[in-house]
Amino acid sequence: MIRQNPVAVTMPPYSQYPTSGPPGGYGGGGYGGEGDGIALTLKFFPLAFMLMFFKPVVTVNGQPYQVPWSKRTVIPLPPGQYHLHVHVPYLIPTQVGKADLPINVGGGRPIELEYKAPLWAFSPGSLGSPPQKYNGVLATVLIMVIPLAILLICCCGSLFTSMFSSNS
C-alpha cells in the first residue's frame, strides 16, 4: 500500500509562494504575526474574457508571485514596507493595466487588496483596498458610441435625403 503525503494532496497546482523567498529572506516562519502579508484578489471585466488566457504578473519588491484571476491569494510577508506591482502581459500593448502600490505590512492580519484590470488596454489598472472601480470605462464607451453615432447619422442622413429628393 502506497501512502500519500496529505500536504502534497491538498496543495494547489500552482505555487503561490516563491521558492526562494523575498529579498532579504525569511526562513519560512517566525515573521511577525500569524497572518502578516497581503491578501490579493485579481479581477477583470467579464467582457474582457481574453485576459483569462494571460497570467497576471505580481511582484513584491521585484520578487514574482503567481496569483490566479478571481481567487483570493495570501502572500505571507514579514512586517515592513513593500512595493507591490501588478500588470497583465498582452499582445499590444505588451503590458496592460500597470498598477503600483506602496504597502506597510504588519499587525498580525493580511492586508486585503484588490486589482481590477482596465476596460481600455491603454489605461492603468486599479489597485487598492476593495472595492475598486474599473479604469478606462469612458474611453471604451467613446470608442463604441462614436462609430455607432456616425453610422446612425449616415443611415438617417441618407434616409432623409432620399425622402426629400423624391418629394421634389
N, C-alpha and C. Protein backbone atom coordinates (compact mmCIF):
# COMPACT_ATOMS: atom_id res chain seq x y z
N MET A 1 0.84 -1.18 0.00
CA MET A 1 0.00 0.00 0.00
C MET A 1 0.88 1.24 0.00
N ILE A 2 0.56 2.17 -0.91
CA ILE A 2 1.33 3.40 -1.03
C ILE A 2 0.65 4.48 -0.22
N ARG A 3 1.42 5.12 0.64
CA ARG A 3 0.87 6.21 1.46
C ARG A 3 1.16 7.53 0.77
N GLN A 4 0.16 8.38 0.73
CA GLN A 4 0.34 9.70 0.15
C GLN A 4 0.51 10.73 1.25
N ASN A 5 1.34 11.67 0.97
CA ASN A 5 1.53 12.77 1.90
C ASN A 5 0.30 13.68 1.82
N PRO A 6 -0.47 13.86 2.90
CA PRO A 6 -1.68 14.67 2.83
C PRO A 6 -1.41 16.12 2.46
N VAL A 7 -0.24 16.65 2.78
CA VAL A 7 0.08 18.02 2.44
C VAL A 7 0.22 18.16 0.92
N ALA A 8 0.87 17.21 0.29
CA ALA A 8 1.07 17.27 -1.15
C ALA A 8 -0.26 17.16 -1.90
N VAL A 9 -1.22 16.43 -1.33
CA VAL A 9 -2.51 16.26 -1.99
C VAL A 9 -3.34 17.53 -1.91
N THR A 10 -3.24 18.28 -0.82
CA THR A 10 -4.08 19.45 -0.64
C THR A 10 -3.49 20.74 -1.20
N MET A 11 -2.25 20.69 -1.68
CA MET A 11 -1.63 21.91 -2.20
C MET A 11 -2.21 22.25 -3.57
N PRO A 12 -2.33 23.54 -3.90
CA PRO A 12 -2.84 23.94 -5.21
C PRO A 12 -1.85 23.55 -6.31
N PRO A 13 -2.34 23.45 -7.57
CA PRO A 13 -1.47 23.04 -8.65
C PRO A 13 -0.39 24.06 -9.01
N TYR A 14 -0.52 25.29 -8.58
CA TYR A 14 0.48 26.31 -8.83
C TYR A 14 1.12 26.67 -7.51
N SER A 15 2.28 27.26 -7.57
CA SER A 15 2.96 27.69 -6.36
C SER A 15 2.61 29.15 -6.12
N GLN A 16 1.87 29.42 -5.04
CA GLN A 16 1.54 30.81 -4.77
C GLN A 16 2.58 31.48 -3.88
N TYR A 17 3.58 30.72 -3.49
CA TYR A 17 4.66 31.27 -2.70
C TYR A 17 5.97 31.10 -3.45
N PRO A 18 6.86 32.07 -3.38
CA PRO A 18 8.12 31.91 -4.08
C PRO A 18 8.96 30.83 -3.43
N THR A 19 9.79 30.17 -4.23
CA THR A 19 10.63 29.12 -3.67
C THR A 19 11.84 29.68 -2.95
N SER A 20 12.28 30.87 -3.36
CA SER A 20 13.48 31.43 -2.75
C SER A 20 13.18 32.46 -1.67
N GLY A 21 11.94 32.91 -1.57
CA GLY A 21 11.57 33.91 -0.60
C GLY A 21 11.90 35.31 -1.09
N PRO A 22 11.37 36.33 -0.43
CA PRO A 22 11.63 37.70 -0.86
C PRO A 22 13.08 38.09 -0.59
N PRO A 23 13.56 39.14 -1.25
CA PRO A 23 14.92 39.58 -0.99
C PRO A 23 15.11 39.86 0.49
N GLY A 24 16.21 39.41 1.02
CA GLY A 24 16.46 39.56 2.45
C GLY A 24 16.03 38.32 3.19
N GLY A 25 15.13 37.57 2.60
CA GLY A 25 14.72 36.25 3.07
C GLY A 25 14.13 36.21 4.46
N TYR A 26 13.28 35.28 4.64
CA TYR A 26 12.79 34.91 5.95
C TYR A 26 12.66 33.41 5.89
N GLY A 27 12.99 32.75 6.91
CA GLY A 27 13.13 31.29 6.86
C GLY A 27 11.85 30.51 6.84
N GLY A 28 10.77 31.05 6.34
CA GLY A 28 9.53 30.30 6.23
C GLY A 28 8.69 30.39 7.49
N GLY A 29 9.13 31.07 8.48
CA GLY A 29 8.35 31.19 9.71
C GLY A 29 8.97 32.25 10.59
N GLY A 30 8.32 32.54 11.68
CA GLY A 30 8.85 33.50 12.62
C GLY A 30 8.82 34.93 12.12
N TYR A 31 7.92 35.24 11.19
CA TYR A 31 7.83 36.61 10.68
C TYR A 31 6.59 37.25 11.26
N GLY A 32 6.77 38.15 12.15
CA GLY A 32 5.64 38.91 12.70
C GLY A 32 4.54 38.02 13.23
N GLY A 33 3.29 38.44 12.97
CA GLY A 33 2.14 37.70 13.44
C GLY A 33 1.83 36.51 12.56
N GLU A 34 0.83 35.76 12.95
CA GLU A 34 0.44 34.55 12.24
C GLU A 34 0.00 34.84 10.81
N GLY A 35 -0.62 35.99 10.56
CA GLY A 35 -1.17 36.24 9.23
C GLY A 35 -0.61 37.47 8.55
N ASP A 36 0.60 37.89 8.87
CA ASP A 36 1.17 39.06 8.21
C ASP A 36 1.35 38.79 6.73
N GLY A 37 1.09 39.81 5.91
CA GLY A 37 1.26 39.68 4.47
C GLY A 37 0.18 40.46 3.76
N ILE A 38 -0.10 40.07 2.52
CA ILE A 38 -1.16 40.70 1.75
C ILE A 38 -2.09 39.62 1.20
N ALA A 39 -3.37 39.94 1.15
CA ALA A 39 -4.37 39.07 0.53
C ALA A 39 -4.83 39.79 -0.72
N LEU A 40 -4.51 39.23 -1.87
CA LEU A 40 -4.72 39.90 -3.15
C LEU A 40 -5.74 39.14 -3.99
N THR A 41 -6.70 39.88 -4.54
CA THR A 41 -7.68 39.32 -5.45
C THR A 41 -7.58 40.09 -6.76
N LEU A 42 -7.39 39.35 -7.87
CA LEU A 42 -7.25 39.96 -9.19
C LEU A 42 -8.52 39.70 -9.99
N LYS A 43 -9.05 40.75 -10.63
CA LYS A 43 -10.30 40.62 -11.38
C LYS A 43 -10.19 41.33 -12.72
N PHE A 44 -11.03 40.89 -13.67
CA PHE A 44 -11.18 41.58 -14.95
C PHE A 44 -12.65 41.61 -15.31
N PHE A 45 -13.03 42.57 -16.16
CA PHE A 45 -14.42 42.73 -16.58
C PHE A 45 -14.80 41.51 -17.43
N PRO A 46 -15.98 40.92 -17.21
CA PRO A 46 -16.35 39.69 -17.93
C PRO A 46 -16.29 39.79 -19.45
N LEU A 47 -16.57 40.97 -20.03
CA LEU A 47 -16.49 41.09 -21.48
C LEU A 47 -15.04 41.13 -21.99
N ALA A 48 -14.10 41.30 -21.09
CA ALA A 48 -12.68 41.24 -21.45
C ALA A 48 -12.16 39.83 -21.17
N PHE A 49 -12.91 38.83 -21.61
CA PHE A 49 -12.61 37.43 -21.30
C PHE A 49 -11.27 36.97 -21.87
N MET A 50 -10.72 37.68 -22.86
CA MET A 50 -9.42 37.31 -23.42
C MET A 50 -8.31 37.37 -22.35
N LEU A 51 -8.50 38.22 -21.35
CA LEU A 51 -7.49 38.32 -20.28
C LEU A 51 -7.37 37.02 -19.49
N MET A 52 -8.39 36.19 -19.56
CA MET A 52 -8.37 34.92 -18.85
C MET A 52 -7.20 34.04 -19.35
N PHE A 53 -6.77 34.24 -20.59
CA PHE A 53 -5.72 33.42 -21.17
C PHE A 53 -4.32 33.97 -20.89
N PHE A 54 -4.23 35.09 -20.19
CA PHE A 54 -2.95 35.69 -19.86
C PHE A 54 -2.78 35.69 -18.35
N LYS A 55 -1.65 35.18 -17.87
CA LYS A 55 -1.40 35.14 -16.42
C LYS A 55 -0.93 36.51 -15.95
N PRO A 56 -1.57 37.05 -14.92
CA PRO A 56 -1.13 38.35 -14.41
C PRO A 56 0.25 38.25 -13.75
N VAL A 57 0.99 39.34 -13.81
CA VAL A 57 2.31 39.40 -13.21
C VAL A 57 2.19 40.22 -11.92
N VAL A 58 2.54 39.60 -10.81
CA VAL A 58 2.51 40.26 -9.50
C VAL A 58 3.91 40.19 -8.92
N THR A 59 4.46 41.35 -8.56
CA THR A 59 5.77 41.37 -7.92
C THR A 59 5.70 42.18 -6.64
N VAL A 60 6.40 41.69 -5.64
CA VAL A 60 6.55 42.41 -4.37
C VAL A 60 8.04 42.66 -4.20
N ASN A 61 8.43 43.92 -4.25
CA ASN A 61 9.84 44.31 -4.20
C ASN A 61 10.66 43.57 -5.27
N GLY A 62 10.06 43.37 -6.44
CA GLY A 62 10.77 42.72 -7.54
C GLY A 62 10.69 41.21 -7.54
N GLN A 63 10.19 40.61 -6.47
CA GLN A 63 10.06 39.14 -6.37
C GLN A 63 8.73 38.72 -6.98
N PRO A 64 8.73 37.88 -8.04
CA PRO A 64 7.47 37.49 -8.69
C PRO A 64 6.68 36.47 -7.87
N TYR A 65 5.37 36.59 -7.93
CA TYR A 65 4.45 35.65 -7.29
C TYR A 65 3.40 35.23 -8.32
N GLN A 66 2.95 34.00 -8.25
CA GLN A 66 1.89 33.53 -9.13
C GLN A 66 0.56 33.71 -8.41
N VAL A 67 -0.28 34.57 -8.96
CA VAL A 67 -1.59 34.84 -8.38
C VAL A 67 -2.63 34.64 -9.49
N PRO A 68 -3.59 33.73 -9.29
CA PRO A 68 -4.59 33.48 -10.34
C PRO A 68 -5.68 34.55 -10.35
N TRP A 69 -6.42 34.61 -11.45
CA TRP A 69 -7.57 35.50 -11.55
C TRP A 69 -8.67 35.05 -10.60
N SER A 70 -9.36 35.98 -10.01
CA SER A 70 -10.60 35.78 -9.25
C SER A 70 -10.49 34.93 -7.99
N LYS A 71 -9.30 34.64 -7.53
CA LYS A 71 -9.15 33.90 -6.28
C LYS A 71 -8.35 34.74 -5.29
N ARG A 72 -8.83 34.77 -4.07
CA ARG A 72 -8.11 35.49 -3.01
C ARG A 72 -6.85 34.69 -2.69
N THR A 73 -5.71 35.33 -2.86
CA THR A 73 -4.43 34.67 -2.63
C THR A 73 -3.66 35.43 -1.55
N VAL A 74 -3.25 34.72 -0.52
CA VAL A 74 -2.48 35.35 0.56
C VAL A 74 -1.00 35.15 0.29
N ILE A 75 -0.27 36.25 0.29
CA ILE A 75 1.19 36.22 0.13
C ILE A 75 1.78 36.58 1.49
N PRO A 76 2.37 35.60 2.18
CA PRO A 76 2.92 35.89 3.52
C PRO A 76 4.20 36.72 3.40
N LEU A 77 4.26 37.77 4.20
CA LEU A 77 5.43 38.66 4.21
C LEU A 77 5.73 39.06 5.65
N PRO A 78 6.99 39.25 5.97
CA PRO A 78 7.31 39.78 7.30
C PRO A 78 6.90 41.25 7.38
N PRO A 79 6.71 41.77 8.57
CA PRO A 79 6.34 43.18 8.70
C PRO A 79 7.39 44.08 8.06
N GLY A 80 6.90 45.14 7.43
CA GLY A 80 7.80 46.10 6.80
C GLY A 80 7.13 46.80 5.63
N GLN A 81 7.92 47.62 4.93
CA GLN A 81 7.42 48.35 3.77
C GLN A 81 7.76 47.58 2.51
N TYR A 82 6.78 47.56 1.58
CA TYR A 82 6.95 46.83 0.32
C TYR A 82 6.39 47.65 -0.83
N HIS A 83 6.83 47.28 -2.04
CA HIS A 83 6.31 47.89 -3.26
C HIS A 83 5.63 46.78 -4.06
N LEU A 84 4.32 46.90 -4.25
CA LEU A 84 3.54 45.91 -4.99
C LEU A 84 3.30 46.41 -6.41
N HIS A 85 3.59 45.56 -7.39
CA HIS A 85 3.37 45.91 -8.80
C HIS A 85 2.55 44.79 -9.45
N VAL A 86 1.54 45.19 -10.24
CA VAL A 86 0.69 44.24 -10.95
C VAL A 86 0.49 44.73 -12.38
N HIS A 87 0.58 43.82 -13.35
CA HIS A 87 0.19 44.10 -14.73
C HIS A 87 -0.16 42.79 -15.42
N VAL A 88 -0.73 42.91 -16.60
CA VAL A 88 -1.10 41.73 -17.37
C VAL A 88 -0.31 41.76 -18.68
N PRO A 89 0.50 40.72 -18.94
CA PRO A 89 1.19 40.69 -20.23
C PRO A 89 0.18 40.47 -21.35
N TYR A 90 0.36 41.17 -22.47
CA TYR A 90 -0.63 41.10 -23.54
C TYR A 90 0.07 41.26 -24.88
N LEU A 91 -0.68 41.34 -25.94
CA LEU A 91 -0.11 41.44 -27.29
C LEU A 91 0.30 42.88 -27.59
N ILE A 92 -0.68 43.76 -27.73
CA ILE A 92 -0.42 45.19 -27.95
C ILE A 92 -1.37 45.97 -27.05
N PRO A 93 -0.93 46.70 -26.09
CA PRO A 93 0.42 46.89 -25.61
C PRO A 93 0.92 45.63 -24.89
N THR A 94 2.23 45.57 -24.67
CA THR A 94 2.80 44.37 -24.05
C THR A 94 2.47 44.25 -22.57
N GLN A 95 2.14 45.36 -21.93
CA GLN A 95 1.74 45.33 -20.51
C GLN A 95 0.45 46.13 -20.36
N VAL A 96 -0.61 45.46 -19.95
CA VAL A 96 -1.92 46.08 -19.77
C VAL A 96 -2.16 46.32 -18.29
N GLY A 97 -2.70 47.47 -17.96
CA GLY A 97 -3.16 47.74 -16.60
C GLY A 97 -2.09 47.80 -15.54
N LYS A 98 -0.99 48.46 -15.83
CA LYS A 98 0.07 48.58 -14.82
C LYS A 98 -0.49 49.30 -13.59
N ALA A 99 -0.16 48.76 -12.43
CA ALA A 99 -0.57 49.39 -11.17
C ALA A 99 0.51 49.15 -10.13
N ASP A 100 0.84 50.18 -9.37
CA ASP A 100 1.86 50.10 -8.32
C ASP A 100 1.27 50.65 -7.03
N LEU A 101 1.70 50.06 -5.93
CA LEU A 101 1.19 50.49 -4.63
C LEU A 101 2.24 50.23 -3.54
N PRO A 102 2.63 51.27 -2.79
CA PRO A 102 3.47 51.02 -1.62
C PRO A 102 2.59 50.53 -0.47
N ILE A 103 3.04 49.51 0.24
CA ILE A 103 2.23 48.94 1.34
C ILE A 103 3.09 48.75 2.57
N ASN A 104 2.46 48.88 3.72
CA ASN A 104 3.08 48.59 5.01
C ASN A 104 2.43 47.35 5.59
N VAL A 105 3.21 46.30 5.78
CA VAL A 105 2.70 45.03 6.30
C VAL A 105 2.99 44.97 7.79
N GLY A 106 2.04 44.47 8.54
CA GLY A 106 2.19 44.30 9.98
C GLY A 106 0.83 44.27 10.63
N GLY A 107 0.77 43.93 11.87
CA GLY A 107 -0.50 43.94 12.59
C GLY A 107 -1.13 42.57 12.76
N GLY A 108 -0.48 41.52 12.27
CA GLY A 108 -1.00 40.17 12.51
C GLY A 108 -2.05 39.68 11.54
N ARG A 109 -2.51 40.53 10.62
CA ARG A 109 -3.50 40.11 9.62
C ARG A 109 -3.02 40.53 8.25
N PRO A 110 -3.39 39.76 7.21
CA PRO A 110 -3.02 40.22 5.87
C PRO A 110 -3.83 41.45 5.46
N ILE A 111 -3.21 42.29 4.66
CA ILE A 111 -3.87 43.48 4.13
C ILE A 111 -4.69 43.06 2.92
N GLU A 112 -5.98 43.34 2.94
CA GLU A 112 -6.87 42.99 1.82
C GLU A 112 -6.69 43.99 0.69
N LEU A 113 -6.32 43.49 -0.48
CA LEU A 113 -6.13 44.33 -1.66
C LEU A 113 -6.86 43.73 -2.85
N GLU A 114 -7.28 44.60 -3.75
CA GLU A 114 -7.98 44.15 -4.96
C GLU A 114 -7.38 44.86 -6.16
N TYR A 115 -7.17 44.10 -7.24
CA TYR A 115 -6.70 44.65 -8.51
C TYR A 115 -7.76 44.39 -9.56
N LYS A 116 -8.10 45.43 -10.32
CA LYS A 116 -9.03 45.27 -11.44
C LYS A 116 -8.33 45.74 -12.71
N ALA A 117 -8.27 44.85 -13.69
CA ALA A 117 -7.68 45.19 -14.98
C ALA A 117 -8.59 46.21 -15.67
N PRO A 118 -8.02 47.13 -16.44
CA PRO A 118 -8.84 48.17 -17.06
C PRO A 118 -9.67 47.64 -18.23
N LEU A 119 -10.73 48.39 -18.57
CA LEU A 119 -11.53 48.04 -19.74
C LEU A 119 -10.82 48.45 -21.03
N TRP A 120 -10.10 49.55 -21.00
CA TRP A 120 -9.34 50.05 -22.14
C TRP A 120 -7.88 49.67 -21.91
N ALA A 121 -7.29 48.97 -22.84
CA ALA A 121 -5.95 48.39 -22.66
C ALA A 121 -4.87 49.42 -22.33
N PHE A 122 -5.06 50.67 -22.72
CA PHE A 122 -4.03 51.68 -22.50
C PHE A 122 -4.23 52.44 -21.19
N SER A 123 -5.21 52.05 -20.39
CA SER A 123 -5.46 52.68 -19.09
C SER A 123 -4.73 51.91 -18.00
N PRO A 124 -4.44 52.56 -16.87
CA PRO A 124 -3.82 51.83 -15.76
C PRO A 124 -4.84 50.96 -15.05
N GLY A 125 -4.36 49.95 -14.36
CA GLY A 125 -5.24 49.10 -13.55
C GLY A 125 -5.56 49.78 -12.24
N SER A 126 -6.56 49.26 -11.54
CA SER A 126 -6.94 49.79 -10.22
C SER A 126 -6.41 48.84 -9.15
N LEU A 127 -5.67 49.37 -8.20
CA LEU A 127 -5.09 48.56 -7.14
C LEU A 127 -5.25 49.29 -5.82
N GLY A 128 -5.82 48.61 -4.84
CA GLY A 128 -6.02 49.20 -3.53
C GLY A 128 -6.97 48.36 -2.71
N SER A 129 -7.47 48.95 -1.63
CA SER A 129 -8.41 48.22 -0.79
C SER A 129 -9.75 48.08 -1.52
N PRO A 130 -10.41 46.93 -1.37
CA PRO A 130 -11.67 46.71 -2.09
C PRO A 130 -12.79 47.59 -1.56
N PRO A 131 -13.77 47.91 -2.38
CA PRO A 131 -13.90 47.57 -3.80
C PRO A 131 -13.20 48.61 -4.68
N GLN A 132 -12.64 48.17 -5.78
CA GLN A 132 -12.01 49.04 -6.77
C GLN A 132 -12.93 49.18 -7.97
N LYS A 133 -12.75 50.28 -8.72
CA LYS A 133 -13.53 50.50 -9.94
C LYS A 133 -12.68 50.14 -11.15
N TYR A 134 -13.34 49.82 -12.25
CA TYR A 134 -12.64 49.54 -13.50
C TYR A 134 -12.21 50.87 -14.13
N ASN A 135 -10.95 50.99 -14.47
CA ASN A 135 -10.46 52.17 -15.20
C ASN A 135 -10.72 51.99 -16.69
N GLY A 136 -10.77 53.08 -17.43
CA GLY A 136 -10.91 53.04 -18.87
C GLY A 136 -12.34 52.88 -19.37
N VAL A 137 -13.32 53.09 -18.49
CA VAL A 137 -14.72 52.94 -18.89
C VAL A 137 -15.10 54.00 -19.91
N LEU A 138 -14.74 55.26 -19.67
CA LEU A 138 -15.09 56.35 -20.57
C LEU A 138 -14.48 56.13 -21.96
N ALA A 139 -13.22 55.75 -22.02
CA ALA A 139 -12.57 55.52 -23.31
C ALA A 139 -13.25 54.38 -24.07
N THR A 140 -13.60 53.32 -23.37
CA THR A 140 -14.27 52.18 -24.01
C THR A 140 -15.64 52.57 -24.54
N VAL A 141 -16.39 53.32 -23.75
CA VAL A 141 -17.72 53.75 -24.18
C VAL A 141 -17.60 54.67 -25.40
N LEU A 142 -16.66 55.61 -25.37
CA LEU A 142 -16.48 56.52 -26.50
C LEU A 142 -16.07 55.76 -27.77
N ILE A 143 -15.20 54.80 -27.63
CA ILE A 143 -14.76 54.01 -28.79
C ILE A 143 -15.93 53.23 -29.38
N MET A 144 -16.89 52.84 -28.56
CA MET A 144 -18.05 52.10 -29.06
C MET A 144 -19.16 53.03 -29.56
N VAL A 145 -19.39 54.14 -28.86
CA VAL A 145 -20.51 55.02 -29.19
C VAL A 145 -20.24 55.89 -30.41
N ILE A 146 -19.05 56.41 -30.57
CA ILE A 146 -18.76 57.32 -31.68
C ILE A 146 -18.98 56.64 -33.04
N PRO A 147 -18.44 55.44 -33.29
CA PRO A 147 -18.72 54.80 -34.58
C PRO A 147 -20.21 54.50 -34.79
N LEU A 148 -20.90 54.11 -33.72
CA LEU A 148 -22.34 53.86 -33.84
C LEU A 148 -23.10 55.15 -34.17
N ALA A 149 -22.69 56.27 -33.57
CA ALA A 149 -23.34 57.54 -33.85
C ALA A 149 -23.09 57.97 -35.30
N ILE A 150 -21.88 57.79 -35.78
CA ILE A 150 -21.57 58.12 -37.18
C ILE A 150 -22.39 57.25 -38.13
N LEU A 151 -22.49 55.97 -37.83
CA LEU A 151 -23.29 55.06 -38.65
C LEU A 151 -24.76 55.47 -38.65
N LEU A 152 -25.28 55.83 -37.49
CA LEU A 152 -26.67 56.25 -37.37
C LEU A 152 -26.91 57.54 -38.16
N ILE A 153 -25.99 58.49 -38.07
CA ILE A 153 -26.12 59.76 -38.80
C ILE A 153 -26.09 59.50 -40.30
N CYS A 154 -25.21 58.63 -40.74
CA CYS A 154 -25.12 58.32 -42.18
C CYS A 154 -26.40 57.65 -42.67
N CYS A 155 -26.91 56.69 -41.90
CA CYS A 155 -28.14 55.99 -42.31
C CYS A 155 -29.34 56.93 -42.31
N CYS A 156 -29.48 57.70 -41.24
CA CYS A 156 -30.61 58.63 -41.16
C CYS A 156 -30.46 59.74 -42.19
N GLY A 157 -29.23 60.20 -42.40
CA GLY A 157 -28.99 61.24 -43.38
C GLY A 157 -29.36 60.79 -44.78
N SER A 158 -28.99 59.58 -45.14
CA SER A 158 -29.35 59.08 -46.47
C SER A 158 -30.86 58.85 -46.57
N LEU A 159 -31.49 58.45 -45.49
CA LEU A 159 -32.95 58.26 -45.48
C LEU A 159 -33.66 59.60 -45.69
N PHE A 160 -33.20 60.65 -44.96
CA PHE A 160 -33.82 61.97 -45.09
C PHE A 160 -33.60 62.56 -46.49
N THR A 161 -32.40 62.41 -47.03
CA THR A 161 -32.14 62.95 -48.37
C THR A 161 -32.96 62.23 -49.43
N SER A 162 -33.11 60.92 -49.30
CA SER A 162 -33.95 60.21 -50.27
C SER A 162 -35.42 60.57 -50.11
N MET A 163 -35.87 60.86 -48.91
CA MET A 163 -37.24 61.28 -48.68
C MET A 163 -37.53 62.64 -49.30
N PHE A 164 -36.59 63.59 -49.07
CA PHE A 164 -36.80 64.94 -49.58
C PHE A 164 -36.58 65.03 -51.10
N SER A 165 -35.71 64.22 -51.64
CA SER A 165 -35.46 64.28 -53.08
C SER A 165 -36.61 63.66 -53.89
N SER A 166 -37.34 62.69 -53.33
CA SER A 166 -38.46 62.07 -54.03
C SER A 166 -39.71 62.97 -53.99
N ASN A 167 -39.81 63.88 -53.01
CA ASN A 167 -40.97 64.79 -52.90
C ASN A 167 -40.83 66.00 -53.83
N SER A 168 -39.65 66.30 -54.31
CA SER A 168 -39.44 67.49 -55.13
C SER A 168 -39.90 67.33 -56.52
